[in-house]
């Protein structure tokens, strides 16, 4: 019977990866986040304009491995999801029975962060973290429990890679530190933990050096991102922002797992029992789960409390990965003979409903980032460029990322994207070559273009003028409903 349950679990993993990869191929273009990650990887740099470099290295590697085809992003995203599922299962077995460990993974099929959001984003730092976050937790637990040098080394390596994935891992480290202080103080007298710190430090050292060399300009993105929407709020909410943003963050995370809780309650109803006392009482295990699960969530949310800046709920998406483990451990259900089968049916139903919702969304949507009509936009703008520059090659394109990456990645000329470095010097672009070669600047509105081309115009001859060109792209869904997406672009011809 245990072998049968394992097979059910393995089939679940396979079907999840296969079906969510296939439905992603319905997109006209891969996500902007995925294209941006490819750009980062091609820079061969130890840092990017927004995040540490690991997501870029992986995405660029897969993109080239699959012949620069969009499916690379869909496959890589699902590999991250499945890897995370496996490590959640491996960790869960230490707290609950194996069949409930399976369920603690399958319950996440009802979490939109593992389904709909992956269809939208394909692959990015958050999706990479869906593999790294549970992996780091697992090796930390294994190291503390067994205190083996090899496990501590693995913890150090995975922690280092997690830091290279996204700085957000520090919130998890904070939870681990609190756990050590309150439950495992003897570890501070052991060499294993310090070896892990040394190994992790060596892994991240090149990136840290890069940060100092570039004046930490990747941190500027986080500051801009958190402040971006404050001015759009009513005055009353601006004044209450220190309270409003944390509450919004916590409510966002809670709403993301409501369907998971629904699956759990349906299983409790079927089994006709539920308890609020853990089955296997262990003070250390309880403290471990409480610190590891709640500390990162609270710490992330409280950033909004202390700064008054917004904290997008998506930043906490990976922090709910142990929702199933927490439910099955702290509010246990005594499974009946057919409870596992019942829960499996619920999980597959959640998978089917999620896929159906995404399919309906795809049929009805007219989203620019999903259905970008590059077959018409790119040839028309390329023709304008060729006419204005007497057939000069298009080497650079810059502007809003929601318009630039699709234009660059599906363009036969393969222009380089000028990444926004938020006022810092761009270390990947030869500014003199950009000026000599010219560029196309694409923005949502003409006012934004003025700021982008200012640097070009100041160095151009006095009689040189640039004027924005208006473009309206028609996007139609699968039932014939169309809408126009308007934007502006400027052709800055070569100086020479």
Protein backbone atom coordinates (compact mmCIF):
# COMPACT_ATOMS: atom_id res chain seq x y z
CA UNK A 1 0.00 0.00 0.00
CA UNK A 2 2.86 2.41 0.80
CA UNK A 3 4.38 1.68 -2.60
CA UNK A 4 1.02 2.42 -4.23
CA UNK A 5 0.84 5.76 -2.44
CA UNK A 6 4.35 6.61 -3.59
CA UNK A 7 3.35 5.86 -7.16
CA UNK A 8 0.33 8.13 -6.77
CA UNK A 9 2.66 10.86 -5.52
CA UNK A 10 5.17 10.37 -8.34
CA UNK A 11 2.35 10.47 -10.91
CA UNK A 12 1.13 13.69 -9.30
CA UNK A 13 4.59 15.26 -9.67
CA UNK A 14 4.85 14.15 -13.29
CA UNK A 15 1.38 15.35 -14.26
CA UNK A 16 1.84 18.68 -12.52
CA UNK A 17 5.06 19.38 -14.41
CA UNK A 18 3.73 18.09 -17.74
CA UNK A 19 0.34 19.81 -17.74
CA UNK A 20 1.56 23.17 -16.47
CA UNK A 21 4.39 23.13 -19.03
CA UNK A 22 1.98 22.31 -21.85
CA UNK A 23 -0.55 24.99 -20.94
CA UNK A 24 2.22 27.57 -20.78
CA UNK A 25 3.01 26.90 -24.44
CA UNK A 26 -0.32 28.56 -25.30
CA UNK A 27 1.33 31.91 -24.62
CA UNK A 28 2.42 33.94 -27.64
CA UNK A 29 5.61 35.03 -25.87
CA UNK A 30 7.36 33.91 -22.71
CA UNK A 31 7.14 36.16 -19.67
CA UNK A 32 9.03 39.42 -19.34
CA UNK A 33 10.68 38.11 -16.16
CA UNK A 34 12.05 35.12 -18.10
CA UNK A 35 13.39 37.30 -20.91
CA UNK A 36 14.96 39.63 -18.36
CA UNK A 37 16.64 36.62 -16.69
CA UNK A 38 18.06 35.52 -20.06
CA UNK A 39 19.54 39.00 -20.45
CA UNK A 40 21.14 38.81 -17.02
CA UNK A 41 22.67 35.42 -17.80
CA UNK A 42 24.12 36.66 -21.08
CA UNK A 43 25.95 39.43 -19.23
CA UNK A 44 28.20 36.84 -17.54
CA UNK A 45 28.18 39.05 -14.46
CA UNK A 46 28.19 38.34 -10.72
CA UNK A 47 25.21 40.68 -10.28
CA UNK A 48 22.32 42.29 -12.11
CA UNK A 49 20.41 45.56 -11.99
CA UNK A 50 17.79 44.00 -9.71
CA UNK A 51 18.76 40.67 -8.17
CA UNK A 52 21.72 38.37 -7.51
CA UNK A 53 22.86 36.45 -10.60
CA UNK A 54 21.74 32.83 -10.12
CA UNK A 55 18.33 33.10 -11.82
CA UNK A 56 19.99 34.69 -14.85
CA UNK A 57 22.67 32.03 -15.09
CA UNK A 58 20.10 29.23 -14.98
CA UNK A 59 17.61 30.84 -17.37
CA UNK A 60 20.25 31.76 -19.92
CA UNK A 61 21.74 28.27 -19.73
CA UNK A 62 18.36 26.60 -20.30
CA UNK A 63 17.46 29.08 -23.04
CA UNK A 64 20.56 28.14 -25.00
CA UNK A 65 20.20 24.44 -24.16
CA UNK A 66 16.74 24.41 -25.75
CA UNK A 67 17.84 26.24 -28.87
CA UNK A 68 16.68 29.66 -27.61
CA UNK A 69 13.07 28.48 -27.53
CA UNK A 70 10.43 29.78 -25.12
CA UNK A 71 9.75 26.31 -23.76
CA UNK A 72 13.03 26.57 -21.83
CA UNK A 73 11.38 29.00 -19.38
CA UNK A 74 8.31 26.79 -18.94
CA UNK A 75 10.39 23.67 -18.27
CA UNK A 76 12.83 25.41 -15.93
CA UNK A 77 9.96 26.89 -13.92
CA UNK A 78 8.36 23.48 -13.46
CA UNK A 79 11.69 21.86 -12.56
CA UNK A 80 11.96 24.38 -9.73
CA UNK A 81 8.42 23.60 -8.58
CA UNK A 82 8.97 19.83 -8.61
CA UNK A 83 12.34 20.12 -6.86
CA UNK A 84 10.67 22.16 -4.13
CA UNK A 85 7.86 19.60 -3.84
CA UNK A 86 10.39 16.81 -3.33
CA UNK A 87 12.22 18.66 -0.56
CA UNK A 88 8.96 19.62 1.15
CA UNK A 89 8.11 15.91 1.19
CA UNK A 90 11.57 14.96 2.50
CA UNK A 91 11.26 17.51 5.29
CA UNK A 92 7.64 16.66 6.12
CA UNK A 93 8.49 12.98 6.73
CA UNK A 94 10.36 14.08 9.84
CA UNK A 95 7.21 15.48 11.43
CA UNK A 96 4.24 13.53 10.05
CA UNK A 97 3.52 10.14 8.47
CA UNK A 98 4.62 9.48 4.90
CA UNK A 99 1.11 9.56 3.47
CA UNK A 100 0.49 12.92 5.12
CA UNK A 101 3.87 14.10 3.83
CA UNK A 102 2.58 13.31 0.34
CA UNK A 103 -0.58 15.26 1.12
CA UNK A 104 1.38 18.23 2.48
CA UNK A 105 2.81 18.60 -1.02
CA UNK A 106 -0.32 17.87 -3.04
CA UNK A 107 -2.30 20.43 -1.05
CA UNK A 108 -0.21 23.16 -2.72
CA UNK A 109 -2.00 22.42 -5.98
CA UNK A 110 -4.71 24.68 -4.58
CA UNK A 111 -2.24 27.56 -4.00
CA UNK A 112 -2.25 30.09 -6.83
CA UNK A 113 1.46 30.78 -6.35
CA UNK A 114 2.21 27.26 -7.60
CA UNK A 115 -0.24 27.34 -10.49
CA UNK A 116 -1.64 30.56 -11.95
CA UNK A 117 1.35 32.72 -11.01
CA UNK A 118 3.76 30.26 -12.63
CA UNK A 119 1.71 30.45 -15.83
CA UNK A 120 2.02 34.25 -15.66
CA UNK A 121 5.72 34.50 -14.74
CA UNK A 122 7.09 31.20 -16.17
CA UNK A 123 10.43 31.59 -14.39
CA UNK A 124 11.85 34.28 -12.13
CA UNK A 125 13.58 34.66 -8.76
CA UNK A 126 10.42 33.77 -6.83
CA UNK A 127 9.94 30.55 -8.78
CA UNK A 128 13.63 29.67 -8.36
CA UNK A 129 13.08 30.11 -4.62
CA UNK A 130 10.32 27.51 -4.70
CA UNK A 131 13.16 25.02 -5.10
CA UNK A 132 15.81 26.69 -2.93
CA UNK A 133 13.70 27.70 0.10
CA UNK A 134 12.57 24.17 1.13
CA UNK A 135 15.98 22.79 0.16
CA UNK A 136 17.76 25.13 2.59
CA UNK A 137 15.23 24.34 5.34
CA UNK A 138 15.68 20.59 4.84
CA UNK A 139 19.48 20.67 5.06
CA UNK A 140 19.34 22.98 8.07
CA UNK A 141 17.00 20.60 9.91
CA UNK A 142 19.09 17.58 8.95
CA UNK A 143 22.30 19.32 10.05
CA UNK A 144 20.95 20.37 13.43
CA UNK A 145 19.38 17.00 14.13
CA UNK A 146 22.26 14.74 13.03
CA UNK A 147 25.17 17.20 13.31
CA UNK A 148 27.12 15.64 10.44
CA UNK A 149 29.84 17.68 8.77
CA UNK A 150 28.69 16.73 5.25
CA UNK A 151 25.17 17.93 6.01
CA UNK A 152 26.50 21.24 7.32
CA UNK A 153 28.52 21.65 4.12
CA UNK A 154 25.41 20.99 2.03
CA UNK A 155 23.52 23.52 4.12
CA UNK A 156 26.27 26.08 3.53
CA UNK A 157 26.31 25.44 -0.22
CA UNK A 158 22.53 25.59 -0.64
CA UNK A 159 22.34 28.68 1.57
CA UNK A 160 24.98 30.37 -0.57
CA UNK A 161 23.08 29.54 -3.75
CA UNK A 162 19.87 30.78 -2.16
CA UNK A 163 21.52 34.12 -1.41
CA UNK A 164 22.64 34.23 -5.05
CA UNK A 165 19.00 33.62 -5.96
CA UNK A 166 17.38 36.39 -3.95
CA UNK A 167 18.39 38.48 -0.93
CA UNK A 168 15.09 37.56 0.70
CA UNK A 169 16.70 34.40 2.08
CA UNK A 170 17.99 36.52 5.00
CA UNK A 171 14.50 36.38 6.52
CA UNK A 172 14.76 32.59 6.64
CA UNK A 173 18.25 32.84 8.16
CA UNK A 174 16.75 35.09 10.84
CA UNK A 175 14.19 32.41 11.70
CA UNK A 176 16.95 29.80 11.86
CA UNK A 177 19.00 32.00 14.18
CA UNK A 178 16.06 32.42 16.55
CA UNK A 179 15.50 28.67 16.56
CA UNK A 180 19.14 28.04 17.45
CA UNK A 181 19.02 30.60 20.24
CA UNK A 182 15.83 29.26 21.82
CA UNK A 183 16.15 25.52 21.15
CA UNK A 184 19.63 24.53 19.96
CA UNK A 185 22.15 26.78 21.71
CA UNK A 186 24.63 23.91 21.89
CA UNK A 187 25.15 24.31 18.13
CA UNK A 188 27.08 27.51 18.82
CA UNK A 189 29.73 25.34 20.44
CA UNK A 190 29.92 22.96 17.45
CA UNK A 191 32.17 23.44 14.44
CA UNK A 192 29.53 22.36 11.91
CA UNK A 193 27.59 25.61 11.93
CA UNK A 194 30.73 27.71 11.47
CA UNK A 195 31.87 25.48 8.63
CA UNK A 196 28.51 26.06 6.94
CA UNK A 197 28.93 29.83 7.36
CA UNK A 198 32.41 29.62 5.85
CA UNK A 199 31.24 27.56 2.87
CA UNK A 200 28.25 29.83 2.26
CA UNK A 201 30.48 32.90 2.48
CA UNK A 202 32.83 31.49 -0.15
CA UNK A 203 29.89 30.82 -2.47
CA UNK A 204 28.59 34.38 -2.25
CA UNK A 205 31.98 36.14 -2.08
CA UNK A 206 32.19 37.05 -5.82
CA UNK A 207 28.73 38.62 -5.68
CA UNK A 208 29.53 40.58 -2.52
CA UNK A 209 32.69 41.95 -4.16
CA UNK A 210 30.60 42.89 -7.19
CA UNK A 211 28.12 44.74 -4.94
CA UNK A 212 30.86 46.87 -3.45
CA UNK A 213 32.31 47.62 -6.88
CA UNK A 214 28.92 48.76 -8.20
CA UNK A 215 27.90 50.74 -5.11
CA UNK A 216 25.12 48.24 -4.32
CA UNK A 217 23.00 49.50 -7.20
CA UNK A 218 20.87 46.33 -7.28
CA UNK A 219 19.42 47.48 -3.94
CA UNK A 220 18.05 50.60 -5.64
CA UNK A 221 15.47 48.44 -7.41
CA UNK A 222 14.03 47.21 -4.11
CA UNK A 223 13.71 50.77 -2.85
CA UNK A 224 12.00 51.92 -6.04
CA UNK A 225 9.70 48.88 -6.11
CA UNK A 226 8.46 49.39 -2.56
CA UNK A 227 7.82 53.11 -3.05
CA UNK A 228 6.26 52.86 -6.50
CA UNK A 229 2.58 52.93 -5.53
CA UNK A 230 2.53 55.14 -2.44
CA UNK A 231 1.55 58.26 -4.37
CA UNK A 232 -1.47 56.50 -5.87
CA UNK A 233 -3.09 55.83 -2.50
CA UNK A 234 -5.77 57.95 -0.81
CA UNK A 235 -4.34 60.40 1.72
CA UNK A 236 -5.79 58.46 4.66
CA UNK A 237 -3.99 55.28 3.58
CA UNK A 238 -0.74 57.15 2.99
CA UNK A 239 -0.87 58.37 6.57
CA UNK A 240 -1.63 54.83 7.76
CA UNK A 241 0.88 53.19 5.41
CA UNK A 242 2.92 51.72 8.29
CA UNK A 243 -0.17 49.69 9.21
CA UNK A 244 -1.89 49.37 5.83
CA UNK A 245 0.99 47.72 3.96
CA UNK A 246 1.78 44.98 6.53
CA UNK A 247 -1.93 44.12 6.83
CA UNK A 248 -2.24 43.99 3.06
CA UNK A 249 0.80 41.70 2.88
CA UNK A 250 -0.48 39.30 5.54
CA UNK A 251 -3.99 39.21 4.03
CA UNK A 252 -2.48 38.55 0.60
CA UNK A 253 -0.58 35.52 1.88
CA UNK A 254 -3.58 34.23 3.81
CA UNK A 255 -5.86 34.52 0.78
CA UNK A 256 -3.31 32.60 -1.32
CA UNK A 257 -3.70 29.50 0.88
CA UNK A 258 -7.44 29.72 1.54
CA UNK A 259 -8.14 27.03 -1.05
CA UNK A 260 -5.49 24.82 0.58
CA UNK A 261 -7.25 25.22 3.92
CA UNK A 262 -10.50 24.36 2.16
CA UNK A 263 -9.03 21.07 0.90
CA UNK A 264 -7.82 20.34 4.41
CA UNK A 265 -11.19 21.00 6.00
CA UNK A 266 -12.95 18.81 3.42
CA UNK A 267 -10.55 15.99 4.33
CA UNK A 268 -11.26 16.53 8.04
CA UNK A 269 -14.99 16.39 7.27
CA UNK A 270 -14.53 13.12 5.36
CA UNK A 271 -12.48 11.61 8.21
CA UNK A 272 -14.94 13.07 10.75
CA UNK A 273 -12.16 14.03 13.15
CA UNK A 274 -9.71 16.83 13.74
CA UNK A 275 -7.48 17.73 16.67
CA UNK A 276 -5.51 20.72 17.88
CA UNK A 277 -2.81 18.61 19.53
CA UNK A 278 0.17 17.40 17.47
CA UNK A 279 0.34 13.63 17.20
CA UNK A 280 4.08 13.36 17.82
CA UNK A 281 4.80 15.87 20.56
CA UNK A 282 8.34 17.22 20.30
CA UNK A 283 9.22 20.60 21.69
CA UNK A 284 12.15 21.05 19.31
CA UNK A 285 10.09 20.09 16.28
CA UNK A 286 7.30 22.46 17.24
CA UNK A 287 9.72 25.31 17.78
CA UNK A 288 11.49 24.50 14.52
CA UNK A 289 8.32 24.69 12.44
CA UNK A 290 7.01 27.77 14.22
CA UNK A 291 10.24 29.72 13.82
CA UNK A 292 10.92 28.59 10.26
CA UNK A 293 7.37 29.19 9.04
CA UNK A 294 6.26 32.35 10.84
CA UNK A 295 9.49 34.32 11.36
CA UNK A 296 10.17 35.05 7.65
CA UNK A 297 6.52 36.01 7.08
CA UNK A 298 6.43 38.33 10.08
CA UNK A 299 9.85 39.83 9.31
CA UNK A 300 8.91 40.49 5.67
CA UNK A 301 5.61 42.06 6.62
CA UNK A 302 7.13 44.20 9.35
CA UNK A 303 9.42 45.81 6.79
CA UNK A 304 6.32 47.71 5.72
CA UNK A 305 5.57 48.62 9.34
CA UNK A 306 9.02 50.12 9.95
CA UNK A 307 9.45 51.84 6.58
CA UNK A 308 5.90 52.72 5.60
CA UNK A 309 6.63 51.28 2.15
CA UNK A 310 4.58 48.63 0.38
CA UNK A 311 5.48 44.95 0.62
CA UNK A 312 3.99 43.03 -2.33
CA UNK A 313 2.38 39.75 -1.26
CA UNK A 314 4.15 37.97 -4.10
CA UNK A 315 7.41 38.53 -2.20
CA UNK A 316 6.09 36.13 0.41
CA UNK A 317 4.92 33.53 -2.10
CA UNK A 318 7.61 31.01 -1.20
CA UNK A 319 7.01 31.46 2.53
CA UNK A 320 3.75 29.48 2.36
CA UNK A 321 5.43 26.33 1.03
CA UNK A 322 5.10 24.55 4.39
CA UNK A 323 1.37 25.31 4.76
CA UNK A 324 0.47 21.63 4.41
CA UNK A 325 3.10 20.52 6.90
CA UNK A 326 1.86 23.08 9.43
CA UNK A 327 -1.75 21.97 9.04
CA UNK A 328 -1.08 18.25 9.24
CA UNK A 329 1.28 18.65 12.20
CA UNK A 330 -0.47 21.24 14.38
CA UNK A 331 -4.10 20.42 13.50
CA UNK A 332 -3.84 16.70 12.78
CA UNK A 333 -6.48 14.59 11.11
CA UNK A 334 -6.64 10.90 11.95
CA UNK A 335 -6.81 9.36 8.51
CA UNK A 336 -9.32 6.63 7.78
CA UNK A 337 -8.56 3.84 5.36
CA UNK A 338 -9.77 5.82 2.35
CA UNK A 339 -8.70 9.30 3.51
CA UNK A 340 -5.57 9.36 1.37
CA UNK A 341 -7.58 8.37 -1.70
CA UNK A 342 -10.13 11.08 -0.90
CA UNK A 343 -7.41 13.71 -0.51
CA UNK A 344 -5.76 12.60 -3.75
CA UNK A 345 -9.05 13.08 -5.58
CA UNK A 346 -9.35 16.56 -4.06
CA UNK A 347 -5.80 17.42 -5.17
CA UNK A 348 -6.38 16.28 -8.74
CA UNK A 349 -9.67 18.16 -8.75
CA UNK A 350 -7.79 21.29 -7.66
CA UNK A 351 -5.30 20.69 -10.48
CA UNK A 352 -8.11 20.33 -13.02
CA UNK A 353 -9.95 23.42 -11.78
CA UNK A 354 -6.74 25.48 -11.82
CA UNK A 355 -5.93 24.37 -15.35
CA UNK A 356 -9.48 25.13 -16.47
CA UNK A 357 -9.36 28.61 -14.92
CA UNK A 358 -6.06 29.33 -16.66
CA UNK A 359 -7.43 28.01 -19.95
CA UNK A 360 -10.50 30.27 -19.69
CA UNK A 361 -8.25 33.18 -18.74
CA UNK A 362 -6.10 32.48 -21.82
CA UNK A 363 -9.15 32.35 -24.09
CA UNK A 364 -10.50 35.67 -22.81
CA UNK A 365 -7.32 37.62 -22.09
CA UNK A 366 -5.93 40.48 -24.18
CA UNK A 367 -2.77 40.95 -22.13
CA UNK A 368 0.17 42.59 -23.85
CA UNK A 369 2.72 40.50 -21.91
CA UNK A 370 1.07 37.22 -23.00
CA UNK A 371 -0.20 37.98 -26.50
CA UNK A 372 2.40 40.50 -27.70
CA UNK A 373 1.83 40.65 -31.50
CA UNK A 374 5.50 40.67 -32.45
CA UNK A 375 4.69 39.44 -35.97
CA UNK A 376 3.29 42.91 -36.79
CA UNK A 377 5.02 45.27 -34.34
CA UNK A 378 8.64 44.29 -34.98
CA UNK A 379 8.64 44.44 -38.83
CA UNK A 380 6.92 47.84 -38.82
CA UNK A 381 9.27 49.48 -36.32
CA UNK A 382 12.31 47.81 -37.91
CA UNK A 383 11.25 49.32 -41.23
CA UNK A 384 11.00 52.77 -39.63
CA UNK A 385 14.48 52.29 -38.15
CA UNK A 386 15.95 51.22 -41.49
CA UNK A 387 14.44 54.23 -43.28
CA UNK A 388 15.63 56.70 -40.63
CA UNK A 389 19.19 55.28 -40.46
CA UNK A 390 19.79 54.31 -44.09
CA UNK A 391 19.80 50.62 -43.23
CA UNK A 392 22.08 50.75 -40.19
CA UNK A 393 21.97 47.65 -37.94
CA UNK A 394 19.82 47.97 -34.84
CA UNK A 395 22.13 47.29 -31.89
CA UNK A 396 20.33 48.75 -28.87
CA UNK A 397 16.83 49.15 -27.51
CA UNK A 398 15.78 50.67 -24.19
CA UNK A 399 12.79 51.95 -22.26
CA UNK A 400 10.02 50.25 -20.28
CA UNK A 401 10.71 46.55 -19.78
CA UNK A 402 7.06 45.72 -20.50
CA UNK A 403 7.64 46.87 -24.09
CA UNK A 404 11.35 46.42 -24.69
CA UNK A 405 12.09 42.76 -23.97
CA UNK A 406 9.51 41.32 -26.38
CA UNK A 407 10.71 43.68 -29.10
CA UNK A 408 14.32 42.62 -28.55
CA UNK A 409 13.89 38.87 -28.08
CA UNK A 410 11.67 38.21 -31.06
CA UNK A 411 13.62 40.56 -33.32
CA UNK A 412 15.86 38.95 -35.93
CA UNK A 413 18.45 41.70 -35.38
CA UNK A 414 18.76 40.70 -31.69
CA UNK A 415 19.41 44.20 -30.29
CA UNK A 416 20.93 44.52 -26.82
CA UNK A 417 18.51 45.64 -24.10
CA UNK A 418 19.73 48.70 -22.22
CA UNK A 419 18.91 47.71 -18.63
CA UNK A 420 17.65 50.36 -16.24
CA UNK A 421 20.30 50.88 -13.56
CA UNK A 422 18.33 53.49 -11.57
CA UNK A 423 20.82 56.31 -11.96
CA UNK A 424 23.95 54.19 -11.53
CA UNK A 425 26.54 53.72 -14.24
CA UNK A 426 25.65 50.79 -16.46
CA UNK A 427 28.68 48.43 -16.37
CA UNK A 428 27.46 46.28 -19.27
CA UNK A 429 27.00 48.97 -21.91
CA UNK A 430 29.61 50.96 -23.81
CA UNK A 431 27.85 54.31 -23.70
CA UNK A 432 29.97 55.71 -26.51
CA UNK A 433 29.00 52.79 -28.73
CA UNK A 434 25.33 53.31 -27.89
CA UNK A 435 25.64 56.95 -28.95
CA UNK A 436 27.50 56.07 -32.12
CA UNK A 437 25.17 53.19 -33.01
CA UNK A 438 21.86 54.78 -32.06
CA UNK A 439 18.94 53.09 -30.37
CA UNK A 440 15.19 52.70 -30.22
CA UNK A 441 13.54 53.88 -27.01
CA UNK A 442 10.06 52.48 -26.25
CA UNK A 443 7.86 53.89 -23.50
CA UNK A 444 4.25 53.78 -22.42
CA UNK A 445 3.86 57.54 -22.81
CA UNK A 446 5.63 60.32 -24.66
CA UNK A 447 6.57 62.15 -21.46
CA UNK A 448 8.61 59.19 -20.28
CA UNK A 449 10.50 59.15 -23.57
CA UNK A 450 11.72 62.72 -23.06
CA UNK A 451 13.68 61.66 -19.98
CA UNK A 452 15.12 58.59 -21.74
CA UNK A 453 16.45 60.42 -24.80
CA UNK A 454 17.72 63.47 -22.94
CA UNK A 455 21.19 62.00 -22.68
CA UNK A 456 21.27 61.38 -26.41
CA UNK A 457 19.95 64.80 -27.45
CA UNK A 458 22.43 66.71 -25.28
CA UNK A 459 25.30 65.15 -27.22
CA UNK A 460 23.73 65.51 -30.65
CA UNK A 461 24.23 68.45 -33.03
CA UNK A 462 22.25 71.56 -32.09
CA UNK A 463 19.84 71.15 -34.97
CA UNK A 464 19.05 67.53 -34.11
CA UNK A 465 15.53 66.83 -32.98
CA UNK A 466 13.79 63.64 -31.84
CA UNK A 467 10.03 63.28 -31.85
CA UNK A 468 8.07 60.36 -30.39
CA UNK A 469 6.15 58.13 -32.75
CA UNK A 470 2.78 56.80 -31.63
CA UNK A 471 2.00 53.10 -32.07
CA UNK A 472 -1.27 51.31 -31.41
CA UNK A 473 -1.14 47.51 -31.35
CA UNK A 474 -4.35 45.55 -31.67
CA UNK A 475 -4.63 42.46 -29.46
CA UNK A 476 -7.54 40.07 -29.91
CA UNK A 477 -8.54 37.15 -27.71
CA UNK A 478 -9.75 33.76 -28.90
CA UNK A 479 -13.40 34.80 -29.06
CA UNK A 480 -12.78 37.86 -31.22
CA UNK A 481 -12.77 40.63 -28.61
CA UNK A 482 -10.00 43.13 -29.35
CA UNK A 483 -8.38 46.06 -27.62
CA UNK A 484 -5.60 48.44 -28.50
CA UNK A 485 -2.36 48.75 -26.57
CA UNK A 486 -0.80 52.15 -27.16
CA UNK A 487 2.82 53.11 -26.68
CA UNK A 488 5.42 55.50 -28.04
CA UNK A 489 8.87 55.01 -29.46
CA UNK A 490 11.74 57.21 -30.57
CA UNK A 491 14.36 56.36 -33.13
CA UNK A 492 17.70 57.82 -32.13
CA UNK A 493 19.85 57.34 -35.24
CA UNK A 494 23.60 56.75 -35.10
CA UNK A 495 25.67 59.85 -34.37
CA UNK A 496 28.14 58.96 -37.09
